[in-house]
Amino acid sequence: MTIDSWADAWGGVHRRLGALERALANLARPGVVTAVRSDPPRVRVAFGAGGLESDWLPWMAARAGDDATWHPPSVDEQVLVLNPGGDPRQGVVLGALYGADSAPAAEPQVAAMRFADGTDLRYDAEAHHLSVSQPGEGARLTVTCAGPVTVAAPAVDLGRDDALEPVVLGERLGRWVVDRLKPWLDGHTHVSAKAGQPTSAARGSFDAGEAAPGGAVYSARNRTQ
């Protein structure tokens, strides 16, 4: 083999080694989200101090089939991008990286999720405490169910101690109170008794069991059951 052929062979090896080095350097890169779009779900990511920005890249989701989740990254969120084969055009955002103040909790036994408006969902495994906090004016919590809703607990607290207005659980129970209970209370009668003796039971039929499927009524003086 001549010197020229050795030089050509070494040049080819050097070029391949350089390409491999670049591919390894690009295989996984941290960056910061600069833009988000939802249709299709894609983000742009900036890398390093130079501000080199990626093309629109998909991000990894927990589920994306018949069962699906939706929680897009946010602008300025730190993420890790995987580039298969070191090719940035094939990049996928794997997940987020905590910044200095971005973690919603610091305790190892706590699982937590914090939203941009301050809503906080967390579970403390040591205290066996699940809490949901939804601050701010106009906050609402809606539960929609086509069937019965069951709460099994030794006590249920329905509001503040100074809440004076009654609290009604269940639309069916509300209709039952208005349509059945109130007319019966207004219209039932007792047989008069002799002095010193109790009156008889009320005349008229009343089935208290109808209230059970619809819920219960509580007031400020009877807030737990």
Protein backbone atom coordinates (compact mmCIF):
# COMPACT_ATOMS: atom_id res chain seq x y z
CA MET A 1 0.00 0.00 0.00
CA THR A 2 1.37 3.37 -0.97
CA ILE A 3 1.66 6.38 1.27
CA ASP A 4 -1.20 8.06 -0.62
CA SER A 5 -3.49 5.08 -0.07
CA TRP A 6 -2.61 5.05 3.65
CA ALA A 7 -3.41 8.74 3.83
CA ASP A 8 -6.75 8.23 2.11
CA ALA A 9 -7.63 5.33 4.43
CA TRP A 10 -6.69 7.31 7.52
CA GLY A 11 -8.65 10.29 6.26
CA GLY A 12 -11.74 8.10 5.91
CA VAL A 13 -11.32 6.73 9.43
CA HIS A 14 -10.85 10.25 10.79
CA ARG A 15 -14.03 11.46 9.10
CA ARG A 16 -16.02 8.49 10.46
CA LEU A 17 -14.65 9.05 13.95
CA GLY A 18 -15.60 12.74 13.72
CA ALA A 19 -19.15 11.86 12.63
CA LEU A 20 -19.43 9.33 15.47
CA GLU A 21 -18.20 11.90 17.98
CA ARG A 22 -20.80 14.43 16.80
CA ALA A 23 -23.55 11.81 16.93
CA LEU A 24 -22.63 10.85 20.49
CA ALA A 25 -22.52 14.52 21.51
CA ASN A 26 -26.01 15.05 20.08
CA LEU A 27 -27.51 11.79 21.36
CA ALA A 28 -29.04 13.36 24.47
CA ARG A 29 -29.05 17.10 25.11
CA PRO A 30 -30.65 19.27 27.80
CA GLY A 31 -32.43 22.38 26.65
CA VAL A 32 -35.20 24.89 27.37
CA VAL A 33 -38.63 24.95 25.71
CA THR A 34 -39.11 28.11 23.64
CA ALA A 35 -42.48 27.44 21.96
CA VAL A 36 -45.42 25.03 22.29
CA ARG A 37 -48.17 24.05 19.87
CA SER A 38 -51.00 21.55 20.29
CA ASP A 39 -52.00 20.40 16.80
CA PRO A 40 -49.92 18.39 16.25
CA PRO A 41 -48.34 18.32 19.73
CA ARG A 42 -44.86 19.76 19.26
CA VAL A 43 -42.32 22.00 21.00
CA ARG A 44 -39.21 23.90 20.03
CA VAL A 45 -36.17 23.61 22.28
CA ALA A 46 -33.13 25.89 22.59
CA PHE A 47 -29.73 24.38 23.46
CA GLY A 48 -26.80 26.06 25.17
CA ALA A 49 -25.83 29.69 25.55
CA GLY A 50 -25.69 30.15 21.79
CA GLY A 51 -29.45 29.68 21.51
CA LEU A 52 -29.37 26.98 18.81
CA GLU A 53 -33.06 26.08 18.40
CA SER A 54 -34.52 22.75 17.33
CA ASP A 55 -37.24 22.11 14.79
CA TRP A 56 -40.72 21.21 16.10
CA LEU A 57 -40.24 18.05 18.19
CA PRO A 58 -42.78 15.63 19.74
CA TRP A 59 -42.73 15.11 23.48
CA MET A 60 -43.13 11.81 25.31
CA ALA A 61 -46.51 11.18 27.00
CA ALA A 62 -47.43 8.69 29.72
CA ARG A 63 -50.16 7.17 27.49
CA ALA A 64 -51.26 7.93 23.93
CA GLY A 65 -53.59 5.09 22.88
CA ASP A 66 -57.16 4.18 23.90
CA ASP A 67 -56.13 5.51 27.32
CA ALA A 68 -54.42 8.86 26.88
CA THR A 69 -52.94 11.66 28.97
CA TRP A 70 -52.43 15.33 28.10
CA HIS A 71 -49.94 17.53 29.94
CA PRO A 72 -47.87 19.60 27.49
CA PRO A 73 -44.57 21.20 28.44
CA SER A 74 -44.52 24.94 29.14
CA VAL A 75 -42.30 27.70 27.77
CA ASP A 76 -39.02 28.03 29.75
CA GLU A 77 -39.33 24.46 31.08
CA GLN A 78 -36.05 22.53 31.15
CA VAL A 79 -36.22 19.25 29.21
CA LEU A 80 -34.02 16.45 27.93
CA VAL A 81 -34.05 15.71 24.18
CA LEU A 82 -33.12 12.29 22.75
CA ASN A 83 -31.80 12.33 19.17
CA PRO A 84 -31.76 8.75 17.78
CA GLY A 85 -28.52 8.18 15.88
CA GLY A 86 -27.43 11.64 16.97
CA ASP A 87 -29.73 13.21 14.35
CA PRO A 88 -31.47 16.33 15.77
CA ARG A 89 -34.14 16.05 13.06
CA GLN A 90 -35.37 12.84 14.75
CA GLY A 91 -35.39 14.36 18.25
CA VAL A 92 -37.95 13.47 20.94
CA VAL A 93 -38.45 15.35 24.20
CA LEU A 94 -38.11 12.69 26.90
CA GLY A 95 -39.19 14.68 29.95
CA ALA A 96 -38.60 17.64 32.20
CA LEU A 97 -35.65 18.53 34.44
CA TYR A 98 -36.10 20.38 37.74
CA GLY A 99 -34.70 23.88 37.93
CA ALA A 100 -33.66 25.72 41.08
CA ASP A 101 -37.24 26.45 42.27
CA SER A 102 -39.45 24.31 40.04
CA ALA A 103 -40.04 21.24 42.26
CA PRO A 104 -43.52 21.35 43.88
CA ALA A 105 -42.31 19.48 46.99
CA ALA A 106 -39.06 18.63 48.75
CA GLU A 107 -40.10 15.74 51.02
CA PRO A 108 -39.21 12.26 49.68
CA GLN A 109 -42.49 10.72 50.94
CA VAL A 110 -44.67 13.28 49.13
CA ALA A 111 -46.02 12.94 45.58
CA ALA A 112 -47.18 16.32 44.31
CA MET A 113 -48.45 18.16 41.25
CA ARG A 114 -48.60 21.97 41.05
CA PHE A 115 -50.33 23.94 38.29
CA ALA A 116 -49.54 27.42 37.00
CA ASP A 117 -52.58 28.99 38.72
CA GLY A 118 -51.52 27.70 42.15
CA THR A 119 -53.72 24.59 42.25
CA ASP A 120 -51.90 21.89 44.22
CA LEU A 121 -52.50 18.13 44.39
CA ARG A 122 -50.37 16.07 46.77
CA TYR A 123 -50.25 12.83 48.75
CA ASP A 124 -48.14 12.35 51.88
CA ALA A 125 -47.52 8.60 52.22
CA GLU A 126 -46.30 8.89 55.83
CA ALA A 127 -49.27 10.95 57.01
CA HIS A 128 -51.75 9.05 54.74
CA HIS A 129 -53.06 12.45 53.66
CA LEU A 130 -54.37 13.31 50.19
CA SER A 131 -55.02 17.02 49.68
CA VAL A 132 -56.31 19.18 46.83
CA SER A 133 -55.91 22.95 47.09
CA GLN A 134 -57.55 25.20 44.50
CA PRO A 135 -57.00 28.85 45.47
CA GLY A 136 -58.06 31.96 43.65
CA GLU A 137 -61.32 33.71 42.86
CA GLY A 138 -63.62 31.73 40.58
CA ALA A 139 -62.08 28.33 41.45
CA ARG A 140 -64.48 25.45 40.79
CA LEU A 141 -64.44 21.67 41.22
CA THR A 142 -66.85 19.56 39.14
CA VAL A 143 -67.54 15.84 39.38
CA THR A 144 -69.83 14.31 36.75
CA CYS A 145 -71.02 10.73 37.13
CA ALA A 146 -73.76 8.79 35.31
CA GLY A 147 -74.28 6.52 38.31
CA PRO A 148 -74.28 6.73 42.11
CA VAL A 149 -71.43 8.44 43.95
CA THR A 150 -70.35 6.73 47.18
CA VAL A 151 -68.34 8.33 49.98
CA ALA A 152 -67.46 5.87 52.75
CA ALA A 153 -65.99 7.72 55.73
CA PRO A 154 -66.59 8.00 59.49
CA ALA A 155 -67.15 11.76 59.11
CA VAL A 156 -67.75 14.20 56.26
CA ASP A 157 -67.12 17.92 56.78
CA LEU A 158 -69.22 20.00 54.41
CA GLY A 159 -68.10 23.56 55.08
CA ARG A 160 -67.04 26.30 57.45
CA ASP A 161 -68.18 26.37 61.05
CA ASP A 162 -69.85 29.75 60.45
CA ALA A 163 -71.80 28.56 57.38
CA LEU A 164 -75.46 29.13 58.23
CA GLU A 165 -77.15 28.06 55.05
CA PRO A 166 -78.20 24.40 54.63
CA VAL A 167 -76.13 22.22 52.33
CA VAL A 168 -77.99 19.74 50.11
CA LEU A 169 -76.26 16.76 48.54
CA GLY A 170 -77.93 15.17 45.52
CA GLU A 171 -80.45 16.59 43.05
CA ARG A 172 -82.69 13.56 43.58
CA LEU A 173 -82.76 14.15 47.32
CA GLY A 174 -83.59 17.82 46.82
CA ARG A 175 -86.59 16.92 44.67
CA TRP A 176 -87.63 14.28 47.21
CA VAL A 177 -87.55 16.80 50.08
CA VAL A 178 -89.65 19.33 48.14
CA ASP A 179 -92.09 16.89 46.55
CA ARG A 180 -92.58 14.32 49.34
CA LEU A 181 -91.20 15.30 52.72
CA LYS A 182 -92.40 18.91 52.97
CA PRO A 183 -96.02 18.18 51.89
CA TRP A 184 -96.17 15.30 54.36
CA LEU A 185 -94.83 17.42 57.22
CA ASP A 186 -97.24 20.23 56.35
CA GLY A 187 -100.28 17.99 56.01
CA HIS A 188 -99.92 15.11 58.46
CA THR A 189 -102.10 14.94 61.60
CA HIS A 190 -102.04 13.25 65.01
CA VAL A 191 -104.88 11.69 66.99
CA SER A 192 -105.58 13.78 70.10
CA ALA A 193 -104.54 12.17 73.38
CA LYS A 194 -105.74 12.37 76.94
CA ALA A 195 -103.94 14.70 79.26
CA GLY A 196 -100.51 13.43 80.26
CA GLN A 197 -100.37 10.80 77.51
CA PRO A 198 -98.32 10.98 74.32
CA THR A 199 -100.04 11.50 71.01
CA SER A 200 -100.33 8.69 68.52
CA ALA A 201 -98.15 8.30 65.49
CA ALA A 202 -98.90 10.58 62.56
CA ARG A 203 -101.60 9.49 60.16
CA GLY A 204 -100.32 9.12 56.62
CA SER A 205 -97.63 7.15 54.87
CA PHE A 206 -94.01 8.27 54.75
CA ASP A 207 -91.09 6.20 53.47
CA ALA A 208 -87.83 7.69 54.74
CA GLY A 209 -85.90 5.05 52.82
CA GLU A 210 -86.49 6.91 49.57
CA ALA A 211 -83.97 9.53 50.67
CA ALA A 212 -81.03 7.16 50.90
CA PRO A 213 -80.17 6.80 47.19
CA GLY A 214 -80.12 10.57 46.67
CA GLY A 215 -77.74 11.67 49.41
CA ALA A 216 -78.30 13.56 52.68
CA VAL A 217 -79.16 17.02 53.98
CA TYR A 218 -76.84 18.83 56.36
CA SER A 219 -76.99 22.22 58.07
CA ALA A 220 -74.43 24.29 59.99
CA ARG A 221 -75.57 22.60 63.22
CA ASN A 222 -75.25 19.09 61.76
CA ARG A 223 -72.27 19.19 59.40
CA THR A 224 -70.88 15.71 59.91
CA GLN A 225 -72.30 12.21 59.73
